[in-house]
PDB file of N, CA and C in Angstrom:
ATOM      1  N   MET A   1      -8.993  -7.861 -28.791  1.00  0.00           N
ATOM      2  CA  MET A   1      -9.211  -8.320 -27.478  1.00  0.00           C
ATOM      3  C   MET A   1      -8.746  -7.329 -26.486  1.00  0.00           C
ATOM      4  N   THR A   2      -9.373  -7.336 -25.334  1.00  0.00           N
ATOM      5  CA  THR A   2      -9.074  -6.327 -24.277  1.00  0.00           C
ATOM      6  C   THR A   2      -8.855  -7.046 -22.989  1.00  0.00           C
ATOM      7  N   CYS A   3      -8.300  -6.291 -22.087  1.00  0.00           N
ATOM      8  CA  CYS A   3      -8.041  -6.692 -20.688  1.00  0.00           C
ATOM      9  C   CYS A   3      -8.654  -5.621 -19.789  1.00  0.00           C
ATOM     10  N   GLN A   4      -9.497  -6.005 -18.812  1.00  0.00           N
ATOM     11  CA  GLN A   4     -10.060  -5.100 -17.885  1.00  0.00           C
ATOM     12  C   GLN A   4      -9.217  -5.063 -16.563  1.00  0.00           C
ATOM     13  N   LEU A   5      -8.661  -3.891 -16.225  1.00  0.00           N
ATOM     14  CA  LEU A   5      -7.949  -3.748 -15.072  1.00  0.00           C
ATOM     15  C   LEU A   5      -8.725  -3.119 -13.970  1.00  0.00           C
ATOM     16  N   THR A   6      -8.600  -3.609 -12.772  1.00  0.00           N
ATOM     17  CA  THR A   6      -9.097  -2.927 -11.536  1.00  0.00           C
ATOM     18  C   THR A   6      -7.884  -2.539 -10.753  1.00  0.00           C
ATOM     19  N   ILE A   7      -7.670  -1.206 -10.667  1.00  0.00           N
ATOM     20  CA  ILE A   7      -6.419  -0.702 -10.072  1.00  0.00           C
ATOM     21  C   ILE A   7      -6.818   0.111  -8.812  1.00  0.00           C
ATOM     22  N   ARG A   8      -6.140  -0.258  -7.612  1.00  0.00           N
ATOM     23  CA  ARG A   8      -6.492   0.457  -6.410  1.00  0.00           C
ATOM     24  C   ARG A   8      -5.310   0.516  -5.497  1.00  0.00           C
ATOM     25  N   ALA A   9      -5.329   1.475  -4.640  1.00  0.00           N
ATOM     26  CA  ALA A   9      -4.360   1.734  -3.648  1.00  0.00           C
ATOM     27  C   ALA A   9      -4.902   1.496  -2.221  1.00  0.00           C
ATOM     28  N   GLY A  10      -4.010   0.986  -1.371  1.00  0.00           N
ATOM     29  CA  GLY A  10      -4.431   0.821   0.046  1.00  0.00           C
ATOM     30  C   GLY A  10      -4.324   2.189   0.749  1.00  0.00           C
ATOM     31  N   ASP A  11      -4.568   2.141   2.055  1.00  0.00           N
ATOM     32  CA  ASP A  11      -4.514   3.393   2.851  1.00  0.00           C
ATOM     33  C   ASP A  11      -3.127   4.035   2.784  1.00  0.00           C
ATOM     34  N   ASN A  12      -3.048   5.322   2.965  1.00  0.00           N
ATOM     35  CA  ASN A  12      -1.796   6.078   3.091  1.00  0.00           C
ATOM     36  C   ASN A  12      -1.065   6.297   1.765  1.00  0.00           C
ATOM     37  N   GLY A  13      -1.763   6.255   0.629  1.00  0.00           N
ATOM     38  CA  GLY A  13      -1.142   6.518  -0.625  1.00  0.00           C
ATOM     39  C   GLY A  13      -2.138   6.507  -1.809  1.00  0.00           C
ATOM     40  N   LYS A  14      -1.628   6.861  -2.959  1.00  0.00           N
ATOM     41  CA  LYS A  14      -2.453   6.862  -4.121  1.00  0.00           C
ATOM     42  C   LYS A  14      -1.793   6.103  -5.266  1.00  0.00           C
ATOM     43  N   ILE A  15      -2.532   5.826  -6.350  1.00  0.00           N
ATOM     44  CA  ILE A  15      -1.940   5.104  -7.487  1.00  0.00           C
ATOM     45  C   ILE A  15      -2.510   5.786  -8.739  1.00  0.00           C
ATOM     46  N   SER A  16      -1.683   5.802  -9.786  1.00  0.00           N
ATOM     47  CA  SER A  16      -2.156   6.343 -11.072  1.00  0.00           C
ATOM     48  C   SER A  16      -1.712   5.414 -12.159  1.00  0.00           C
ATOM     49  N   PRO A  17      -2.592   5.033 -13.102  1.00  0.00           N
ATOM     50  CA  PRO A  17      -4.028   5.349 -13.077  1.00  0.00           C
ATOM     51  C   PRO A  17      -4.712   4.548 -11.983  1.00  0.00           C
ATOM     52  N   GLU A  18      -5.996   4.860 -11.717  1.00  0.00           N
ATOM     53  CA  GLU A  18      -6.756   4.238 -10.602  1.00  0.00           C
ATOM     54  C   GLU A  18      -8.156   3.960 -11.154  1.00  0.00           C
ATOM     55  N   GLY A  19      -8.760   2.857 -10.605  1.00  0.00           N
ATOM     56  CA  GLY A  19     -10.141   2.564 -10.948  1.00  0.00           C
ATOM     57  C   GLY A  19     -10.182   1.467 -11.985  1.00  0.00           C
ATOM     58  N   GLU A  20     -11.240   1.460 -12.722  1.00  0.00           N
ATOM     59  CA  GLU A  20     -11.490   0.476 -13.836  1.00  0.00           C
ATOM     60  C   GLU A  20     -10.922   1.038 -15.160  1.00  0.00           C
ATOM     61  N   VAL A  21      -9.985   0.260 -15.732  1.00  0.00           N
ATOM     62  CA  VAL A  21      -9.316   0.731 -16.978  1.00  0.00           C
ATOM     63  C   VAL A  21      -9.317  -0.433 -17.940  1.00  0.00           C
ATOM     64  N   VAL A  22      -9.687  -0.219 -19.188  1.00  0.00           N
ATOM     65  CA  VAL A  22      -9.722  -1.241 -20.237  1.00  0.00           C
ATOM     66  C   VAL A  22      -8.582  -0.937 -21.206  1.00  0.00           C
ATOM     67  N   VAL A  23      -7.729  -1.932 -21.457  1.00  0.00           N
ATOM     68  CA  VAL A  23      -6.620  -1.754 -22.407  1.00  0.00           C
ATOM     69  C   VAL A  23      -6.586  -2.916 -23.421  1.00  0.00           C
ATOM     70  N   ALA A  24      -5.848  -2.754 -24.456  1.00  0.00           N
ATOM     71  CA  ALA A  24      -5.663  -3.780 -25.442  1.00  0.00           C
ATOM     72  C   ALA A  24      -4.855  -4.920 -24.768  1.00  0.00           C
ATOM     73  N   LYS A  25      -5.323  -6.166 -25.112  1.00  0.00           N
ATOM     74  CA  LYS A  25      -4.575  -7.313 -24.513  1.00  0.00           C
ATOM     75  C   LYS A  25      -3.133  -7.354 -25.041  1.00  0.00           C
ATOM     76  N   SER A  26      -2.230  -7.701 -24.232  1.00  0.00           N
ATOM     77  CA  SER A  26      -0.809  -7.789 -24.471  1.00  0.00           C
ATOM     78  C   SER A  26      -0.129  -6.405 -24.441  1.00  0.00           C
ATOM     79  N   SER A  27      -0.836  -5.324 -24.119  1.00  0.00           N
ATOM     80  CA  SER A  27      -0.196  -4.000 -24.016  1.00  0.00           C
ATOM     81  C   SER A  27       0.459  -3.889 -22.685  1.00  0.00           C
ATOM     82  N   HIS A  28       1.389  -2.960 -22.629  1.00  0.00           N
ATOM     83  CA  HIS A  28       2.061  -2.623 -21.321  1.00  0.00           C
ATOM     84  C   HIS A  28       1.259  -1.469 -20.657  1.00  0.00           C
ATOM     85  N   VAL A  29       1.208  -1.611 -19.271  1.00  0.00           N
ATOM     86  CA  VAL A  29       0.547  -0.610 -18.524  1.00  0.00           C
ATOM     87  C   VAL A  29       1.566  -0.145 -17.463  1.00  0.00           C
ATOM     88  N   TYR A  30       1.738   1.123 -17.342  1.00  0.00           N
ATOM     89  CA  TYR A  30       2.715   1.752 -16.359  1.00  0.00           C
ATOM     90  C   TYR A  30       1.918   2.315 -15.262  1.00  0.00           C
ATOM     91  N   LEU A  31       2.281   1.899 -14.017  1.00  0.00           N
ATOM     92  CA  LEU A  31       1.584   2.350 -12.806  1.00  0.00           C
ATOM     93  C   LEU A  31       2.518   3.056 -11.946  1.00  0.00           C
ATOM     94  N   HIS A  32       2.026   4.092 -11.233  1.00  0.00           N
ATOM     95  CA  HIS A  32       2.839   4.910 -10.399  1.00  0.00           C
ATOM     96  C   HIS A  32       2.151   5.056  -8.979  1.00  0.00           C
ATOM     97  N   ALA A  33       2.847   4.639  -7.959  1.00  0.00           N
ATOM     98  CA  ALA A  33       2.250   4.710  -6.577  1.00  0.00           C
ATOM     99  C   ALA A  33       2.898   5.896  -5.900  1.00  0.00           C
ATOM    100  N   GLN A  34       2.084   6.675  -5.228  1.00  0.00           N
ATOM    101  CA  GLN A  34       2.545   7.860  -4.483  1.00  0.00           C
ATOM    102  C   GLN A  34       2.192   7.736  -2.989  1.00  0.00           C
ATOM    103  N   PRO A  35       3.162   7.338  -2.175  1.00  0.00           N
ATOM    104  CA  PRO A  35       2.899   7.236  -0.783  1.00  0.00           C
ATOM    105  C   PRO A  35       2.738   8.628  -0.136  1.00  0.00           C
ATOM    106  N   GLU A  36       1.949   8.679   0.934  1.00  0.00           N
ATOM    107  CA  GLU A  36       1.808   9.910   1.696  1.00  0.00           C
ATOM    108  C   GLU A  36       3.079  10.112   2.461  1.00  0.00           C
ATOM    109  N   PRO A  37       3.352  11.348   2.854  1.00  0.00           N
ATOM    110  CA  PRO A  37       4.566  11.610   3.696  1.00  0.00           C
ATOM    111  C   PRO A  37       4.683  10.682   4.878  1.00  0.00           C
ATOM    112  N   GLY A  38       5.844  10.103   5.069  1.00  0.00           N
ATOM    113  CA  GLY A  38       6.070   9.200   6.170  1.00  0.00           C
ATOM    114  C   GLY A  38       5.774   7.746   5.846  1.00  0.00           C
ATOM    115  N   TYR A  39       5.357   7.458   4.593  1.00  0.00           N
ATOM    116  CA  TYR A  39       5.049   6.128   4.224  1.00  0.00           C
ATOM    117  C   TYR A  39       5.890   5.734   2.958  1.00  0.00           C
ATOM    118  N   GLN A  40       5.949   4.420   2.716  1.00  0.00           N
ATOM    119  CA  GLN A  40       6.580   3.885   1.544  1.00  0.00           C
ATOM    120  C   GLN A  40       5.710   2.780   0.918  1.00  0.00           C
ATOM    121  N   VAL A  41       6.071   2.498  -0.329  1.00  0.00           N
ATOM    122  CA  VAL A  41       5.372   1.355  -0.936  1.00  0.00           C
ATOM    123  C   VAL A  41       5.820   0.051  -0.238  1.00  0.00           C
ATOM    124  N   GLN A  42       4.853  -0.705   0.177  1.00  0.00           N
ATOM    125  CA  GLN A  42       5.184  -1.992   0.864  1.00  0.00           C
ATOM    126  C   GLN A  42       5.107  -3.159  -0.148  1.00  0.00           C
ATOM    127  N   MET A  43       4.007  -3.271  -0.895  1.00  0.00           N
ATOM    128  CA  MET A  43       3.869  -4.459  -1.792  1.00  0.00           C
ATOM    129  C   MET A  43       2.883  -4.168  -2.932  1.00  0.00           C
ATOM    130  N   TRP A  44       3.216  -4.726  -4.096  1.00  0.00           N
ATOM    131  CA  TRP A  44       2.305  -4.774  -5.216  1.00  0.00           C
ATOM    132  C   TRP A  44       1.697  -6.193  -5.276  1.00  0.00           C
ATOM    133  N   TYR A  45       0.382  -6.229  -5.568  1.00  0.00           N
ATOM    134  CA  TYR A  45      -0.369  -7.469  -5.715  1.00  0.00           C
ATOM    135  C   TYR A  45      -1.057  -7.485  -7.091  1.00  0.00           C
ATOM    136  N   ILE A  46      -0.987  -8.631  -7.739  1.00  0.00           N
ATOM    137  CA  ILE A  46      -1.765  -8.863  -8.973  1.00  0.00           C
ATOM    138  C   ILE A  46      -2.653 -10.107  -8.754  1.00  0.00           C
ATOM    139  N   ASN A  47      -3.919  -9.925  -8.863  1.00  0.00           N
ATOM    140  CA  ASN A  47      -4.916 -11.021  -8.598  1.00  0.00           C
ATOM    141  C   ASN A  47      -4.640 -11.681  -7.230  1.00  0.00           C
ATOM    142  N   GLY A  48      -4.312 -10.859  -6.237  1.00  0.00           N
ATOM    143  CA  GLY A  48      -4.100 -11.393  -4.891  1.00  0.00           C
ATOM    144  C   GLY A  48      -2.724 -11.957  -4.606  1.00  0.00           C
ATOM    145  N   ASN A  49      -1.871 -12.058  -5.597  1.00  0.00           N
ATOM    146  CA  ASN A  49      -0.534 -12.667  -5.442  1.00  0.00           C
ATOM    147  C   ASN A  49       0.486 -11.540  -5.293  1.00  0.00           C
ATOM    148  N   GLN A  50       1.332 -11.672  -4.303  1.00  0.00           N
ATOM    149  CA  GLN A  50       2.418 -10.678  -4.031  1.00  0.00           C
ATOM    150  C   GLN A  50       3.419 -10.789  -5.231  1.00  0.00           C
ATOM    151  N   LEU A  51       3.839  -9.576  -5.725  1.00  0.00           N
ATOM    152  CA  LEU A  51       4.752  -9.581  -6.826  1.00  0.00           C
ATOM    153  C   LEU A  51       6.012  -8.832  -6.484  1.00  0.00           C
ATOM    154  N   TYR A  52       5.946  -7.549  -6.161  1.00  0.00           N
ATOM    155  CA  TYR A  52       7.075  -6.799  -5.947  1.00  0.00           C
ATOM    156  C   TYR A  52       6.930  -5.860  -4.729  1.00  0.00           C
ATOM    157  N   GLY A  53       7.950  -5.569  -4.016  1.00  0.00           N
ATOM    158  CA  GLY A  53       7.840  -4.657  -2.874  1.00  0.00           C
ATOM    159  C   GLY A  53       8.847  -3.515  -3.049  1.00  0.00           C
ATOM    160  N   GLY A  54       8.451  -2.370  -2.493  1.00  0.00           N
ATOM    161  CA  GLY A  54       9.402  -1.226  -2.385  1.00  0.00           C
ATOM    162  C   GLY A  54       9.457  -0.258  -3.536  1.00  0.00           C
ATOM    163  N   THR A  55       8.995  -0.670  -4.637  1.00  0.00           N
ATOM    164  CA  THR A  55       9.213   0.225  -5.851  1.00  0.00           C
ATOM    165  C   THR A  55       7.922   1.050  -6.098  1.00  0.00           C
ATOM    166  N   LYS A  56       8.137   2.361  -6.451  1.00  0.00           N
ATOM    167  CA  LYS A  56       6.961   3.254  -6.680  1.00  0.00           C
ATOM    168  C   LYS A  56       6.377   3.029  -8.079  1.00  0.00           C
ATOM    169  N   GLN A  57       7.209   2.604  -9.050  1.00  0.00           N
ATOM    170  CA  GLN A  57       6.748   2.443 -10.378  1.00  0.00           C
ATOM    171  C   GLN A  57       6.742   0.971 -10.761  1.00  0.00           C
ATOM    172  N   PHE A  58       5.758   0.607 -11.607  1.00  0.00           N
ATOM    173  CA  PHE A  58       5.529  -0.789 -11.878  1.00  0.00           C
ATOM    174  C   PHE A  58       4.989  -0.929 -13.261  1.00  0.00           C
ATOM    175  N   ARG A  59       5.446  -1.874 -14.046  1.00  0.00           N
ATOM    176  CA  ARG A  59       4.943  -2.095 -15.386  1.00  0.00           C
ATOM    177  C   ARG A  59       4.395  -3.456 -15.510  1.00  0.00           C
ATOM    178  N   ILE A  60       3.210  -3.590 -16.036  1.00  0.00           N
ATOM    179  CA  ILE A  60       2.632  -4.946 -16.162  1.00  0.00           C
ATOM    180  C   ILE A  60       2.236  -5.117 -17.640  1.00  0.00           C
ATOM    181  N   THR A  61       2.170  -6.352 -18.045  1.00  0.00           N
ATOM    182  CA  THR A  61       1.623  -6.719 -19.419  1.00  0.00           C
ATOM    183  C   THR A  61       0.152  -7.214 -19.239  1.00  0.00           C
ATOM    184  N   ALA A  62      -0.713  -6.665 -19.922  1.00  0.00           N
ATOM    185  CA  ALA A  62      -2.170  -7.028 -19.804  1.00  0.00           C
ATOM    186  C   ALA A  62      -2.334  -8.267 -20.610  1.00  0.00           C
ATOM    187  N   ASP A  63      -1.969  -9.434 -19.965  1.00  0.00           N
ATOM    188  CA  ASP A  63      -2.019 -10.669 -20.691  1.00  0.00           C
ATOM    189  C   ASP A  63      -3.146 -11.612 -20.326  1.00  0.00           C
ATOM    190  N   GLU A  64      -4.138 -11.079 -19.510  1.00  0.00           N
ATOM    191  CA  GLU A  64      -5.274 -11.897 -19.130  1.00  0.00           C
ATOM    192  C   GLU A  64      -6.568 -11.070 -19.419  1.00  0.00           C
ATOM    193  N   ASP A  65      -7.703 -11.695 -19.338  1.00  0.00           N
ATOM    194  CA  ASP A  65      -8.978 -10.960 -19.559  1.00  0.00           C
ATOM    195  C   ASP A  65      -9.170  -9.914 -18.454  1.00  0.00           C
ATOM    196  N   LYS A  66      -8.882 -10.264 -17.163  1.00  0.00           N
ATOM    197  CA  LYS A  66      -9.083  -9.342 -16.080  1.00  0.00           C
ATOM    198  C   LYS A  66      -7.862  -9.398 -15.128  1.00  0.00           C
ATOM    199  N   LEU A  67      -7.432  -8.247 -14.683  1.00  0.00           N
ATOM    200  CA  LEU A  67      -6.373  -8.207 -13.657  1.00  0.00           C
ATOM    201  C   LEU A  67      -6.816  -7.272 -12.584  1.00  0.00           C
ATOM    202  N   ASP A  68      -6.622  -7.756 -11.312  1.00  0.00           N
ATOM    203  CA  ASP A  68      -6.843  -6.888 -10.177  1.00  0.00           C
ATOM    204  C   ASP A  68      -5.480  -6.447  -9.574  1.00  0.00           C
ATOM    205  N   ILE A  69      -5.187  -5.161  -9.589  1.00  0.00           N
ATOM    206  CA  ILE A  69      -3.922  -4.658  -9.185  1.00  0.00           C
ATOM    207  C   ILE A  69      -4.127  -3.836  -7.941  1.00  0.00           C
ATOM    208  N   HIS A  70      -3.358  -4.074  -6.885  1.00  0.00           N
ATOM    209  CA  HIS A  70      -3.398  -3.411  -5.586  1.00  0.00           C
ATOM    210  C   HIS A  70      -2.033  -3.142  -5.101  1.00  0.00           C
ATOM    211  N   VAL A  71      -1.820  -1.873  -4.614  1.00  0.00           N
ATOM    212  CA  VAL A  71      -0.577  -1.530  -4.000  1.00  0.00           C
ATOM    213  C   VAL A  71      -0.900  -1.192  -2.478  1.00  0.00           C
ATOM    214  N   THR A  72       0.059  -1.596  -1.583  1.00  0.00           N
ATOM    215  CA  THR A  72      -0.075  -1.312  -0.193  1.00  0.00           C
ATOM    216  C   THR A  72       1.097  -0.430   0.248  1.00  0.00           C
ATOM    217  N   PHE A  73       0.882   0.275   1.338  1.00  0.00           N
ATOM    218  CA  PHE A  73       1.881   1.192   1.860  1.00  0.00           C
ATOM    219  C   PHE A  73       2.114   0.836   3.361  1.00  0.00           C
ATOM    220  N   SER A  74       3.391   1.162   3.829  1.00  0.00           N
ATOM    221  CA  SER A  74       3.700   0.956   5.224  1.00  0.00           C
ATOM    222  C   SER A  74       4.456   2.217   5.730  1.00  0.00           C
ATOM    223  N   LYS A  75       4.416   2.327   7.032  1.00  0.00           N
ATOM    224  CA  LYS A  75       5.070   3.483   7.647  1.00  0.00           C
ATOM    225  C   LYS A  75       6.567   3.292   7.544  1.00  0.00           C
ATOM    226  N   ILE A  76       7.258   4.430   7.338  1.00  0.00           N
ATOM    227  CA  ILE A  76       8.732   4.343   7.201  1.00  0.00           C
ATOM    228  C   ILE A  76       9.340   4.206   8.612  1.00  0.00           C
TER     229      ILE A  76
END
């Protein structure tokens, strides 16, 4: 079984990996956000729900069929 991830970053930063990613269900996925100079990670969202704020690195478990992952950035 697999999990389809849609991974994207908001304005003023990047995320790795990015785009459409398919992984084995129940596997761990490590994400790294890179804010542009003068910006910081504001919030991580999974399927539209706020999860964590302020951290550049994030680990999720691919425990659903589809996950939408989004990170936002704010000015320091």
